[in-house]
Every structure is written in structure tokens, then in C-alpha cells.
Amino acid sequence: MADYPIIADVSAYIVRMLREKMCPEPIPSPNNIEISSPLSQDVDYIVGLYLYDIQEELQVNQPRFEQRGMVQLSKSPRPYALYYMVFINGSSQMGLKAPDIQKIIGRVAQIVNDNNSVRPDELQSWLETREPPIVLSQARISLEEKVRVWQAISKPYQISLFYKAAPVFLSSGEVITTPRVADAQFSLHITGEDEPAVRTG
């Protein structure tokens, strides 16, 4: 299962996808799309990807432990949902007007709709197990909830897109080594005999 960098890997995938498909139109340079927070004072980017919440997906049932090889167990991976906001940097020096912002937002929505899933082994090439795809979908939150996200970072609300990426399985860092079987006893009862023959191997 995916190791702990998977959260950062999902963010990097989204940004990489937007850079590949939004440049040079309507965004002039890949450097104008960044993983950032609306609090950032950096004026070099236009589109920001902000991870604002991470929640465990409680409805996904997993066994408590899973087998690793012959003598190792590990805790089962935990499934999470990542919540993102895609926003336009208001401090950008590009001098964007309302029609420009709407065009950019529309293109972001179009790109995510057309590329709305990624397999974990595309993000972490060493994975040997086949995991379910991570799906990007519109976060089902109200306008009031969106406003609260902006208020939490002391910024006035502006038009933005909200996405959920799930399930993101995060593996355990603990591995339990179970003892090897050194002795085994087998009993064989033969009909007509009073006592079973015992063989130790």
C-alpha cells in the first residue's frame, strides 16, 4: 500500500496535470500554477491548489491486519479523503479581470472532469499491490461552508473550485514479525488401537 508521501503525491499530480493542460492558454507559464495557500504573499503564481482538510473515510471497511510475506503482519492501511480548493491568486501581478478569472476557473473544471482519477501506482511506481483509483470529484459542500473555509484563513470569499480526492490509502509504518513454528506435533488415531500414535516433526 502507498507510503506516507502519497498525500503530497496527489497534490503534485493535480498541479502537474493543470500545468500540462493549461499552458500557454489560458495560463502563460507552468510556474504560474502552484501548491499554495491564499495566505501566501508570493505574487508569481496565478492558480493555487490549497489542501484545506483531510478526513478519514470511515465507511470503507478494512481488516485490522494484513499479511506481509510469511512471518510479517502490518496494520491495514487507512483510507482518507483529501479536500482541495483551487483558487485564483488575488495578489497576482497579471492584472486579471472578472472574465479572465471565469475563463481560468472554467478550464480548471474542464481538465479535472476529463482527468478525474489516477492509480496509486502511477504516483508511487514501486507499489506491488493494485489499489483502487483515487477519484477527484466536486466536494459536496454548500456556499456557506465554502465561505467558512475562506474565513478560516481570514480572507474574503472569492469564486473557487472545491474538490475531494478519495480513497487515499495510507499504509502503516509498523510491521509485526510473528515467530516461526519450530516444532509441530501431529496425532494419528488408528481404528482398533487403544492409544493414538504420536509423531513429532
N, C-alpha and C. Protein backbone atom coordinates (compact mmCIF):
# COMPACT_ATOMS: atom_id res chain seq x y z
N MET A 1 0.83 -1.19 0.00
CA MET A 1 0.00 0.00 0.00
C MET A 1 0.87 1.26 0.00
N ALA A 2 0.28 2.35 -0.42
CA ALA A 2 1.04 3.59 -0.60
C ALA A 2 1.65 4.07 0.71
N ASP A 3 2.85 4.59 0.63
CA ASP A 3 3.56 5.10 1.80
C ASP A 3 3.14 6.56 2.06
N TYR A 4 3.64 7.13 3.17
CA TYR A 4 3.17 8.43 3.64
C TYR A 4 3.30 9.58 2.64
N PRO A 5 4.23 9.56 1.67
CA PRO A 5 4.26 10.69 0.72
C PRO A 5 3.05 10.75 -0.21
N ILE A 6 2.12 9.78 -0.11
CA ILE A 6 1.01 9.73 -1.06
C ILE A 6 0.18 11.00 -1.04
N ILE A 7 0.03 11.65 0.11
CA ILE A 7 -0.76 12.88 0.17
C ILE A 7 -0.10 13.97 -0.67
N ALA A 8 1.20 14.14 -0.48
CA ALA A 8 1.93 15.11 -1.29
C ALA A 8 1.94 14.70 -2.76
N ASP A 9 1.97 13.40 -3.02
CA ASP A 9 1.98 12.91 -4.40
C ASP A 9 0.68 13.25 -5.13
N VAL A 10 -0.45 13.15 -4.42
CA VAL A 10 -1.74 13.50 -5.03
C VAL A 10 -1.76 14.99 -5.38
N SER A 11 -1.30 15.82 -4.47
CA SER A 11 -1.25 17.26 -4.73
C SER A 11 -0.37 17.57 -5.93
N ALA A 12 0.80 16.92 -5.98
CA ALA A 12 1.73 17.15 -7.09
C ALA A 12 1.12 16.69 -8.42
N TYR A 13 0.36 15.60 -8.39
CA TYR A 13 -0.30 15.11 -9.61
C TYR A 13 -1.29 16.13 -10.14
N ILE A 14 -2.10 16.71 -9.26
CA ILE A 14 -3.11 17.68 -9.69
C ILE A 14 -2.43 18.89 -10.32
N VAL A 15 -1.39 19.40 -9.67
CA VAL A 15 -0.68 20.56 -10.20
C VAL A 15 -0.02 20.22 -11.54
N ARG A 16 0.59 19.05 -11.62
CA ARG A 16 1.25 18.64 -12.86
C ARG A 16 0.23 18.55 -14.01
N MET A 17 -0.94 17.99 -13.72
CA MET A 17 -1.99 17.87 -14.73
C MET A 17 -2.45 19.25 -15.20
N LEU A 18 -2.64 20.17 -14.28
CA LEU A 18 -3.08 21.52 -14.65
C LEU A 18 -2.00 22.24 -15.46
N ARG A 19 -0.74 22.07 -15.07
CA ARG A 19 0.34 22.72 -15.81
C ARG A 19 0.43 22.21 -17.24
N GLU A 20 0.25 20.90 -17.41
CA GLU A 20 0.36 20.31 -18.75
C GLU A 20 -0.75 20.79 -19.68
N LYS A 21 -1.93 21.04 -19.13
CA LYS A 21 -3.10 21.28 -19.98
C LYS A 21 -3.59 22.73 -19.99
N MET A 22 -3.03 23.58 -19.13
CA MET A 22 -3.50 24.98 -19.07
C MET A 22 -2.51 25.97 -19.68
N CYS A 23 -1.32 25.48 -20.03
CA CYS A 23 -0.30 26.38 -20.53
C CYS A 23 -0.01 26.09 -22.01
N PRO A 24 0.15 27.06 -22.83
CA PRO A 24 0.25 28.51 -22.53
C PRO A 24 -1.09 29.26 -22.53
N GLU A 25 -2.21 28.55 -22.67
CA GLU A 25 -3.51 29.21 -22.69
C GLU A 25 -4.49 28.42 -21.84
N PRO A 26 -5.08 29.02 -20.82
CA PRO A 26 -5.13 30.46 -20.53
C PRO A 26 -4.05 30.94 -19.55
N ILE A 27 -3.15 30.03 -19.11
CA ILE A 27 -2.08 30.41 -18.19
C ILE A 27 -0.77 30.44 -18.98
N PRO A 28 -0.01 31.54 -18.95
CA PRO A 28 1.17 31.65 -19.80
C PRO A 28 2.31 30.70 -19.47
N SER A 29 2.51 30.36 -18.18
CA SER A 29 3.68 29.57 -17.80
C SER A 29 3.30 28.53 -16.74
N PRO A 30 3.91 27.34 -16.79
CA PRO A 30 3.66 26.35 -15.73
C PRO A 30 4.00 26.88 -14.34
N ASN A 31 4.93 27.79 -14.25
CA ASN A 31 5.30 28.36 -12.95
C ASN A 31 4.19 29.21 -12.35
N ASN A 32 3.16 29.51 -13.13
CA ASN A 32 2.03 30.30 -12.64
C ASN A 32 0.98 29.44 -11.94
N ILE A 33 1.24 28.14 -11.80
CA ILE A 33 0.32 27.22 -11.11
C ILE A 33 1.12 26.55 -9.99
N GLU A 34 0.67 26.71 -8.75
CA GLU A 34 1.46 26.25 -7.60
C GLU A 34 0.58 25.60 -6.54
N ILE A 35 1.22 24.73 -5.72
CA ILE A 35 0.62 24.31 -4.46
C ILE A 35 0.86 25.44 -3.48
N SER A 36 -0.21 26.03 -2.99
CA SER A 36 -0.05 27.22 -2.17
C SER A 36 -1.28 27.43 -1.30
N SER A 37 -1.22 28.45 -0.48
CA SER A 37 -2.34 28.88 0.34
C SER A 37 -2.72 30.31 -0.06
N PRO A 38 -3.99 30.65 0.02
CA PRO A 38 -4.37 32.04 -0.26
C PRO A 38 -3.67 33.04 0.64
N LEU A 39 -3.08 32.55 1.75
CA LEU A 39 -2.34 33.45 2.64
C LEU A 39 -0.98 33.82 2.08
N SER A 40 -0.51 33.05 1.11
CA SER A 40 0.82 33.30 0.57
C SER A 40 0.89 34.68 -0.09
N GLN A 41 1.97 35.37 0.16
CA GLN A 41 2.17 36.70 -0.43
C GLN A 41 2.96 36.65 -1.73
N ASP A 42 3.30 35.43 -2.17
CA ASP A 42 4.01 35.26 -3.43
C ASP A 42 3.12 35.73 -4.57
N VAL A 43 3.62 36.62 -5.40
CA VAL A 43 2.79 37.19 -6.47
C VAL A 43 3.12 36.59 -7.84
N ASP A 44 3.92 35.53 -7.86
CA ASP A 44 4.36 34.97 -9.14
C ASP A 44 3.39 33.93 -9.71
N TYR A 45 2.47 33.41 -8.91
CA TYR A 45 1.57 32.39 -9.42
C TYR A 45 0.17 32.97 -9.62
N ILE A 46 -0.60 32.30 -10.48
CA ILE A 46 -1.96 32.74 -10.78
C ILE A 46 -2.98 31.78 -10.18
N VAL A 47 -2.77 30.48 -10.38
CA VAL A 47 -3.68 29.45 -9.87
C VAL A 47 -3.02 28.75 -8.69
N GLY A 48 -3.74 28.64 -7.59
CA GLY A 48 -3.22 27.96 -6.40
C GLY A 48 -4.05 26.73 -6.06
N LEU A 49 -3.36 25.68 -5.61
CA LEU A 49 -4.02 24.47 -5.11
C LEU A 49 -3.79 24.42 -3.61
N TYR A 50 -4.87 24.44 -2.84
CA TYR A 50 -4.79 24.54 -1.38
C TYR A 50 -5.45 23.31 -0.76
N LEU A 51 -4.68 22.49 -0.05
CA LEU A 51 -5.22 21.35 0.69
C LEU A 51 -5.71 21.87 2.04
N TYR A 52 -7.04 21.93 2.20
CA TYR A 52 -7.57 22.57 3.41
C TYR A 52 -8.13 21.59 4.43
N ASP A 53 -8.27 20.31 4.07
CA ASP A 53 -8.80 19.35 5.06
C ASP A 53 -8.44 17.93 4.64
N ILE A 54 -8.25 17.07 5.65
CA ILE A 54 -8.01 15.64 5.45
C ILE A 54 -8.92 14.91 6.43
N GLN A 55 -9.72 13.97 5.92
CA GLN A 55 -10.64 13.23 6.77
C GLN A 55 -10.52 11.75 6.49
N GLU A 56 -10.63 10.95 7.56
CA GLU A 56 -10.63 9.51 7.37
C GLU A 56 -11.97 9.05 6.80
N GLU A 57 -11.92 8.14 5.85
CA GLU A 57 -13.12 7.60 5.22
C GLU A 57 -13.62 6.43 6.06
N LEU A 58 -14.47 6.72 7.02
CA LEU A 58 -14.90 5.71 7.99
C LEU A 58 -15.77 4.63 7.36
N GLN A 59 -16.42 4.92 6.22
CA GLN A 59 -17.33 3.95 5.63
C GLN A 59 -16.61 2.86 4.85
N VAL A 60 -15.28 2.99 4.68
CA VAL A 60 -14.51 1.96 3.98
C VAL A 60 -13.99 0.98 5.01
N ASN A 61 -14.50 -0.27 4.97
CA ASN A 61 -14.12 -1.28 5.95
C ASN A 61 -12.82 -1.97 5.55
N GLN A 62 -11.91 -2.10 6.50
CA GLN A 62 -10.63 -2.75 6.26
C GLN A 62 -10.37 -3.75 7.38
N PRO A 63 -9.73 -4.89 7.08
CA PRO A 63 -9.32 -5.80 8.15
C PRO A 63 -8.30 -5.13 9.05
N ARG A 64 -8.18 -5.62 10.29
CA ARG A 64 -7.28 -4.97 11.24
C ARG A 64 -5.82 -5.13 10.84
N PHE A 65 -5.44 -6.34 10.34
CA PHE A 65 -4.07 -6.59 9.94
C PHE A 65 -4.05 -7.21 8.55
N GLU A 66 -2.91 -7.10 7.87
CA GLU A 66 -2.73 -7.78 6.59
C GLU A 66 -1.37 -8.45 6.57
N GLN A 67 -1.29 -9.54 5.80
CA GLN A 67 -0.07 -10.35 5.74
C GLN A 67 0.99 -9.68 4.88
N ARG A 68 2.25 -9.72 5.36
CA ARG A 68 3.40 -9.27 4.58
C ARG A 68 4.41 -10.41 4.58
N GLY A 69 4.50 -11.14 3.49
CA GLY A 69 5.41 -12.27 3.45
C GLY A 69 4.91 -13.40 4.34
N MET A 70 5.85 -14.28 4.75
CA MET A 70 5.49 -15.47 5.52
C MET A 70 5.34 -15.19 7.01
N VAL A 71 6.12 -14.26 7.55
CA VAL A 71 6.16 -14.11 9.02
C VAL A 71 5.93 -12.67 9.46
N GLN A 72 5.37 -11.82 8.62
CA GLN A 72 5.16 -10.43 9.00
C GLN A 72 3.71 -10.02 8.81
N LEU A 73 3.26 -9.21 9.75
CA LEU A 73 1.94 -8.60 9.68
C LEU A 73 2.10 -7.10 9.81
N SER A 74 1.18 -6.36 9.22
CA SER A 74 1.16 -4.91 9.42
C SER A 74 -0.28 -4.47 9.59
N LYS A 75 -0.46 -3.36 10.25
CA LYS A 75 -1.81 -2.80 10.36
C LYS A 75 -2.30 -2.45 8.96
N SER A 76 -3.58 -2.65 8.74
CA SER A 76 -4.14 -2.37 7.41
C SER A 76 -4.06 -0.87 7.12
N PRO A 77 -3.93 -0.50 5.85
CA PRO A 77 -3.88 0.92 5.51
C PRO A 77 -5.19 1.61 5.85
N ARG A 78 -5.09 2.88 6.15
CA ARG A 78 -6.29 3.66 6.49
C ARG A 78 -6.67 4.52 5.30
N PRO A 79 -7.95 4.52 4.93
CA PRO A 79 -8.39 5.32 3.78
C PRO A 79 -8.74 6.76 4.20
N TYR A 80 -8.27 7.71 3.42
CA TYR A 80 -8.53 9.12 3.70
C TYR A 80 -9.14 9.82 2.49
N ALA A 81 -9.79 10.93 2.76
CA ALA A 81 -10.27 11.83 1.72
C ALA A 81 -9.54 13.15 1.87
N LEU A 82 -9.01 13.65 0.76
CA LEU A 82 -8.31 14.93 0.75
C LEU A 82 -9.22 15.98 0.14
N TYR A 83 -9.30 17.14 0.78
CA TYR A 83 -10.19 18.21 0.30
C TYR A 83 -9.35 19.40 -0.17
N TYR A 84 -9.56 19.77 -1.41
CA TYR A 84 -8.77 20.82 -2.04
C TYR A 84 -9.64 22.00 -2.46
N MET A 85 -9.01 23.16 -2.46
CA MET A 85 -9.60 24.35 -3.05
C MET A 85 -8.67 24.83 -4.15
N VAL A 86 -9.21 25.05 -5.35
CA VAL A 86 -8.45 25.66 -6.44
C VAL A 86 -8.91 27.11 -6.53
N PHE A 87 -7.97 28.02 -6.38
CA PHE A 87 -8.33 29.43 -6.30
C PHE A 87 -7.43 30.26 -7.22
N ILE A 88 -7.87 31.48 -7.47
CA ILE A 88 -7.08 32.43 -8.26
C ILE A 88 -6.37 33.37 -7.30
N ASN A 89 -5.09 33.54 -7.49
CA ASN A 89 -4.29 34.39 -6.61
C ASN A 89 -4.66 35.86 -6.82
N GLY A 90 -5.31 36.43 -5.82
CA GLY A 90 -5.75 37.82 -5.92
C GLY A 90 -4.62 38.82 -5.93
N SER A 91 -3.44 38.42 -5.44
CA SER A 91 -2.31 39.35 -5.42
C SER A 91 -1.42 39.19 -6.65
N SER A 92 -1.87 38.40 -7.61
CA SER A 92 -1.07 38.21 -8.82
C SER A 92 -0.87 39.53 -9.55
N GLN A 93 0.28 39.67 -10.17
CA GLN A 93 0.60 40.89 -10.91
C GLN A 93 0.07 40.85 -12.35
N MET A 94 -0.70 39.83 -12.68
CA MET A 94 -1.16 39.68 -14.04
C MET A 94 -2.31 40.63 -14.39
N GLY A 95 -2.90 41.26 -13.38
CA GLY A 95 -3.99 42.20 -13.65
C GLY A 95 -5.21 41.52 -14.24
N LEU A 96 -5.61 40.40 -13.65
CA LEU A 96 -6.73 39.64 -14.17
C LEU A 96 -8.05 40.36 -13.92
N LYS A 97 -8.93 40.31 -14.91
CA LYS A 97 -10.27 40.86 -14.78
C LYS A 97 -11.25 39.71 -14.61
N ALA A 98 -12.49 40.05 -14.26
CA ALA A 98 -13.51 39.02 -13.99
C ALA A 98 -13.65 38.02 -15.13
N PRO A 99 -13.72 38.44 -16.39
CA PRO A 99 -13.83 37.45 -17.47
C PRO A 99 -12.62 36.52 -17.55
N ASP A 100 -11.42 37.04 -17.25
CA ASP A 100 -10.22 36.20 -17.24
C ASP A 100 -10.31 35.13 -16.16
N ILE A 101 -10.76 35.55 -14.99
CA ILE A 101 -10.88 34.61 -13.86
C ILE A 101 -11.89 33.52 -14.18
N GLN A 102 -13.02 33.90 -14.77
CA GLN A 102 -14.04 32.91 -15.10
C GLN A 102 -13.54 31.93 -16.16
N LYS A 103 -12.75 32.41 -17.10
CA LYS A 103 -12.18 31.54 -18.13
C LYS A 103 -11.23 30.53 -17.50
N ILE A 104 -10.40 30.99 -16.57
CA ILE A 104 -9.45 30.11 -15.90
C ILE A 104 -10.18 29.05 -15.07
N ILE A 105 -11.17 29.49 -14.31
CA ILE A 105 -11.95 28.57 -13.48
C ILE A 105 -12.63 27.51 -14.37
N GLY A 106 -13.18 27.96 -15.49
CA GLY A 106 -13.85 27.03 -16.39
C GLY A 106 -12.89 25.99 -16.95
N ARG A 107 -11.68 26.41 -17.29
CA ARG A 107 -10.70 25.48 -17.83
C ARG A 107 -10.25 24.48 -16.77
N VAL A 108 -10.07 24.93 -15.54
CA VAL A 108 -9.71 24.01 -14.45
C VAL A 108 -10.79 22.94 -14.30
N ALA A 109 -12.05 23.36 -14.26
CA ALA A 109 -13.16 22.42 -14.10
C ALA A 109 -13.18 21.41 -15.25
N GLN A 110 -12.94 21.89 -16.46
CA GLN A 110 -12.94 21.02 -17.63
C GLN A 110 -11.83 19.97 -17.54
N ILE A 111 -10.64 20.40 -17.14
CA ILE A 111 -9.49 19.50 -17.05
C ILE A 111 -9.73 18.42 -15.99
N VAL A 112 -10.21 18.82 -14.82
CA VAL A 112 -10.45 17.85 -13.75
C VAL A 112 -11.56 16.88 -14.15
N ASN A 113 -12.60 17.36 -14.82
CA ASN A 113 -13.67 16.47 -15.27
C ASN A 113 -13.15 15.41 -16.24
N ASP A 114 -12.21 15.80 -17.08
CA ASP A 114 -11.67 14.89 -18.09
C ASP A 114 -10.56 13.99 -17.56
N ASN A 115 -10.00 14.31 -16.40
CA ASN A 115 -8.88 13.56 -15.82
C ASN A 115 -9.15 13.34 -14.34
N ASN A 116 -10.26 12.68 -14.06
CA ASN A 116 -10.75 12.67 -12.68
C ASN A 116 -10.34 11.46 -11.85
N SER A 117 -9.35 10.70 -12.31
CA SER A 117 -8.86 9.60 -11.48
C SER A 117 -7.41 9.30 -11.80
N VAL A 118 -6.73 8.73 -10.82
CA VAL A 118 -5.33 8.33 -11.00
C VAL A 118 -5.08 7.10 -10.14
N ARG A 119 -4.31 6.16 -10.66
CA ARG A 119 -3.98 4.96 -9.89
C ARG A 119 -2.80 5.25 -8.97
N PRO A 120 -2.84 4.76 -7.75
CA PRO A 120 -1.72 4.99 -6.82
C PRO A 120 -0.38 4.55 -7.37
N ASP A 121 -0.34 3.45 -8.20
CA ASP A 121 0.95 3.02 -8.72
C ASP A 121 1.49 3.95 -9.79
N GLU A 122 0.68 4.89 -10.27
CA GLU A 122 1.19 5.94 -11.15
C GLU A 122 1.90 7.02 -10.34
N LEU A 123 1.55 7.12 -9.08
CA LEU A 123 2.14 8.13 -8.20
C LEU A 123 3.34 7.57 -7.44
N GLN A 124 3.28 6.27 -7.12
CA GLN A 124 4.38 5.60 -6.42
C GLN A 124 4.68 4.32 -7.20
N SER A 125 5.67 4.39 -8.07
CA SER A 125 5.91 3.34 -9.05
C SER A 125 6.36 2.02 -8.42
N TRP A 126 6.81 2.04 -7.16
CA TRP A 126 7.30 0.81 -6.52
C TRP A 126 6.17 -0.05 -5.95
N LEU A 127 4.93 0.44 -5.99
CA LEU A 127 3.83 -0.33 -5.41
C LEU A 127 3.64 -1.64 -6.14
N GLU A 128 3.48 -2.72 -5.37
CA GLU A 128 3.29 -4.04 -5.95
C GLU A 128 1.82 -4.46 -5.91
N THR A 129 1.06 -3.90 -4.99
CA THR A 129 -0.36 -4.24 -4.89
C THR A 129 -1.17 -3.28 -5.76
N ARG A 130 -2.26 -3.80 -6.29
CA ARG A 130 -3.12 -2.97 -7.12
C ARG A 130 -4.20 -2.36 -6.23
N GLU A 131 -4.18 -1.05 -6.10
CA GLU A 131 -5.12 -0.35 -5.24
C GLU A 131 -6.20 0.32 -6.09
N PRO A 132 -7.34 0.62 -5.49
CA PRO A 132 -8.38 1.31 -6.26
C PRO A 132 -7.93 2.70 -6.67
N PRO A 133 -8.43 3.20 -7.79
CA PRO A 133 -8.03 4.54 -8.23
C PRO A 133 -8.47 5.62 -7.26
N ILE A 134 -7.69 6.67 -7.20
CA ILE A 134 -8.05 7.86 -6.42
C ILE A 134 -8.89 8.75 -7.33
N VAL A 135 -10.10 9.04 -6.92
CA VAL A 135 -11.05 9.75 -7.77
C VAL A 135 -11.18 11.20 -7.31
N LEU A 136 -11.11 12.12 -8.26
CA LEU A 136 -11.33 13.54 -7.99
C LEU A 136 -12.78 13.88 -8.33
N SER A 137 -13.49 14.42 -7.36
CA SER A 137 -14.89 14.79 -7.58
C SER A 137 -15.17 16.12 -6.89
N GLN A 138 -16.23 16.77 -7.33
CA GLN A 138 -16.62 18.01 -6.68
C GLN A 138 -16.97 17.74 -5.22
N ALA A 139 -16.40 18.51 -4.32
CA ALA A 139 -16.75 18.39 -2.90
C ALA A 139 -18.17 18.90 -2.71
N ARG A 140 -19.00 18.07 -2.11
CA ARG A 140 -20.41 18.43 -1.94
C ARG A 140 -20.58 19.28 -0.68
N ILE A 141 -20.21 20.54 -0.80
CA ILE A 141 -20.34 21.46 0.32
C ILE A 141 -21.12 22.69 -0.15
N SER A 142 -21.80 23.31 0.79
CA SER A 142 -22.64 24.46 0.48
C SER A 142 -21.80 25.72 0.33
N LEU A 143 -22.45 26.78 -0.17
CA LEU A 143 -21.76 28.06 -0.29
C LEU A 143 -21.32 28.56 1.08
N GLU A 144 -22.15 28.33 2.11
CA GLU A 144 -21.79 28.75 3.46
C GLU A 144 -20.52 28.05 3.93
N GLU A 145 -20.40 26.76 3.63
CA GLU A 145 -19.20 26.03 4.02
C GLU A 145 -17.98 26.53 3.27
N LYS A 146 -18.15 26.88 2.01
CA LYS A 146 -17.04 27.44 1.24
C LYS A 146 -16.59 28.77 1.83
N VAL A 147 -17.56 29.59 2.21
CA VAL A 147 -17.23 30.88 2.82
C VAL A 147 -16.45 30.67 4.11
N ARG A 148 -16.82 29.63 4.89
CA ARG A 148 -16.13 29.37 6.15
C ARG A 148 -14.68 28.95 5.91
N VAL A 149 -14.41 28.25 4.82
CA VAL A 149 -13.03 27.88 4.50
C VAL A 149 -12.20 29.15 4.31
N TRP A 150 -12.77 30.12 3.58
CA TRP A 150 -12.07 31.38 3.38
C TRP A 150 -11.93 32.17 4.68
N GLN A 151 -12.97 32.14 5.49
CA GLN A 151 -12.92 32.87 6.76
C GLN A 151 -11.87 32.28 7.69
N ALA A 152 -11.65 30.96 7.61
CA ALA A 152 -10.68 30.30 8.47
C ALA A 152 -9.26 30.80 8.22
N ILE A 153 -9.02 31.33 7.02
CA ILE A 153 -7.70 31.88 6.71
C ILE A 153 -7.76 33.41 6.61
N SER A 154 -8.84 33.97 7.17
CA SER A 154 -9.01 35.43 7.26
C SER A 154 -8.94 36.11 5.90
N LYS A 155 -9.58 35.49 4.91
CA LYS A 155 -9.64 36.05 3.58
C LYS A 155 -11.10 36.16 3.15
N PRO A 156 -11.46 37.23 2.41
CA PRO A 156 -12.83 37.33 1.90
C PRO A 156 -13.07 36.27 0.83
N TYR A 157 -14.29 35.77 0.75
CA TYR A 157 -14.62 34.73 -0.21
C TYR A 157 -14.42 35.21 -1.64
N GLN A 158 -13.90 34.32 -2.47
CA GLN A 158 -13.83 34.58 -3.91
C GLN A 158 -14.19 33.29 -4.64
N ILE A 159 -14.61 33.43 -5.87
CA ILE A 159 -15.02 32.26 -6.64
C ILE A 159 -13.86 31.27 -6.72
N SER A 160 -14.15 30.00 -6.45
CA SER A 160 -13.12 28.97 -6.39
C SER A 160 -13.78 27.61 -6.58
N LEU A 161 -12.97 26.60 -6.81
CA LEU A 161 -13.46 25.24 -7.01
C LEU A 161 -13.03 24.37 -5.84
N PHE A 162 -13.92 23.48 -5.41
CA PHE A 162 -13.64 22.62 -4.26
C PHE A 162 -13.74 21.16 -4.70
N TYR A 163 -12.68 20.39 -4.40
CA TYR A 163 -12.62 19.00 -4.84
C TYR A 163 -12.30 18.06 -3.69
N LYS A 164 -12.77 16.83 -3.86
CA LYS A 164 -12.45 15.74 -2.93
C LYS A 164 -11.67 14.68 -3.69
N ALA A 165 -10.55 14.22 -3.12
CA ALA A 165 -9.76 13.14 -3.70
C ALA A 165 -9.82 11.95 -2.75
N ALA A 166 -10.39 10.82 -3.23
CA ALA A 166 -10.58 9.66 -2.35
C ALA A 166 -10.84 8.41 -3.19
N PRO A 167 -10.57 7.22 -2.63
CA PRO A 167 -9.89 7.00 -1.34
C PRO A 167 -8.38 7.04 -1.51
N VAL A 168 -7.72 7.62 -0.52
CA VAL A 168 -6.26 7.66 -0.49
C VAL A 168 -5.83 6.75 0.65
N PHE A 169 -5.31 5.58 0.30
CA PHE A 169 -4.93 4.60 1.32
C PHE A 169 -3.51 4.90 1.80
N LEU A 170 -3.37 5.05 3.11
CA LEU A 170 -2.08 5.34 3.74
C LEU A 170 -1.65 4.13 4.54
N SER A 171 -0.52 3.54 4.17
CA SER A 171 -0.06 2.32 4.83
C SER A 171 0.44 2.59 6.24
N SER A 172 0.54 1.53 7.02
CA SER A 172 1.09 1.63 8.37
C SER A 172 2.60 1.58 8.31
N GLY A 173 3.25 2.28 9.23
CA GLY A 173 4.71 2.22 9.32
C GLY A 173 5.19 1.14 10.27
N GLU A 174 4.26 0.42 10.92
CA GLU A 174 4.62 -0.63 11.88
C GLU A 174 4.49 -2.00 11.23
N VAL A 175 5.50 -2.82 11.41
CA VAL A 175 5.49 -4.19 10.92
C VAL A 175 5.71 -5.12 12.11
N ILE A 176 4.84 -6.12 12.25
CA ILE A 176 4.94 -7.09 13.35
C ILE A 176 5.49 -8.39 12.79
N THR A 177 6.60 -8.88 13.40
CA THR A 177 7.17 -10.15 12.98
C THR A 177 6.63 -11.26 13.87
N THR A 178 5.97 -12.22 13.27
CA THR A 178 5.41 -13.33 14.03
C THR A 178 6.45 -14.43 14.14
N PRO A 179 6.47 -15.16 15.27
CA PRO A 179 7.50 -16.21 15.44
C PRO A 179 7.30 -17.36 14.46
N ARG A 180 8.44 -17.92 14.00
CA ARG A 180 8.37 -19.09 13.14
C ARG A 180 7.97 -20.32 13.97
N VAL A 181 7.32 -21.28 13.34
CA VAL A 181 6.96 -22.52 14.01
C VAL A 181 8.19 -23.42 14.04
N ALA A 182 8.68 -23.72 15.28
CA ALA A 182 9.87 -24.55 15.42
C ALA A 182 9.53 -26.03 15.51
N ASP A 183 8.47 -26.37 16.27
CA ASP A 183 8.05 -27.75 16.45
C ASP A 183 6.58 -27.88 16.09
N ALA A 184 6.24 -29.00 15.56
CA ALA A 184 4.84 -29.29 15.25
C ALA A 184 4.56 -30.71 15.66
N GLN A 185 3.41 -30.94 16.29
CA GLN A 185 3.03 -32.28 16.71
C GLN A 185 1.78 -32.70 15.94
N PHE A 186 1.79 -33.95 15.49
CA PHE A 186 0.67 -34.49 14.74
C PHE A 186 0.22 -35.77 15.42
N SER A 187 -1.06 -35.95 15.56
CA SER A 187 -1.61 -37.16 16.16
C SER A 187 -2.31 -37.97 15.10
N LEU A 188 -2.13 -39.28 15.15
CA LEU A 188 -2.77 -40.18 14.20
C LEU A 188 -3.46 -41.28 15.00
N HIS A 189 -4.76 -41.39 14.86
CA HIS A 189 -5.52 -42.41 15.59
C HIS A 189 -5.91 -43.50 14.60
N ILE A 190 -5.48 -44.71 14.88
CA ILE A 190 -5.77 -45.85 14.03
C ILE A 190 -6.89 -46.66 14.67
N THR A 191 -7.92 -46.95 13.93
CA THR A 191 -9.07 -47.68 14.44
C THR A 191 -8.62 -49.04 14.96
N GLY A 192 -9.08 -49.33 16.16
CA GLY A 192 -8.71 -50.62 16.76
C GLY A 192 -7.57 -50.51 17.73
N GLU A 193 -6.85 -49.40 17.69
CA GLU A 193 -5.75 -49.19 18.63
C GLU A 193 -6.27 -48.41 19.84
N ASP A 194 -5.74 -48.71 21.04
CA ASP A 194 -6.17 -48.01 22.25
C ASP A 194 -5.63 -46.60 22.33
N GLU A 195 -4.41 -46.38 21.90
CA GLU A 195 -3.77 -45.08 22.04
C GLU A 195 -3.35 -44.59 20.66
N PRO A 196 -3.47 -43.29 20.42
CA PRO A 196 -3.02 -42.75 19.14
C PRO A 196 -1.50 -42.72 19.07
N ALA A 197 -0.99 -42.96 17.91
CA ALA A 197 0.45 -42.82 17.73
C ALA A 197 0.79 -41.35 17.59
N VAL A 198 1.84 -40.93 18.24
CA VAL A 198 2.23 -39.52 18.21
C VAL A 198 3.57 -39.39 17.51
N ARG A 199 3.61 -38.53 16.50
CA ARG A 199 4.85 -38.27 15.78
C ARG A 199 5.20 -36.80 15.90
N THR A 200 6.40 -36.49 16.23
CA THR A 200 6.86 -35.11 16.37
C THR A 200 7.78 -34.79 15.21
N GLY A 201 7.48 -33.63 14.54
CA GLY A 201 8.31 -33.25 13.42
C GLY A 201 8.66 -31.80 13.50
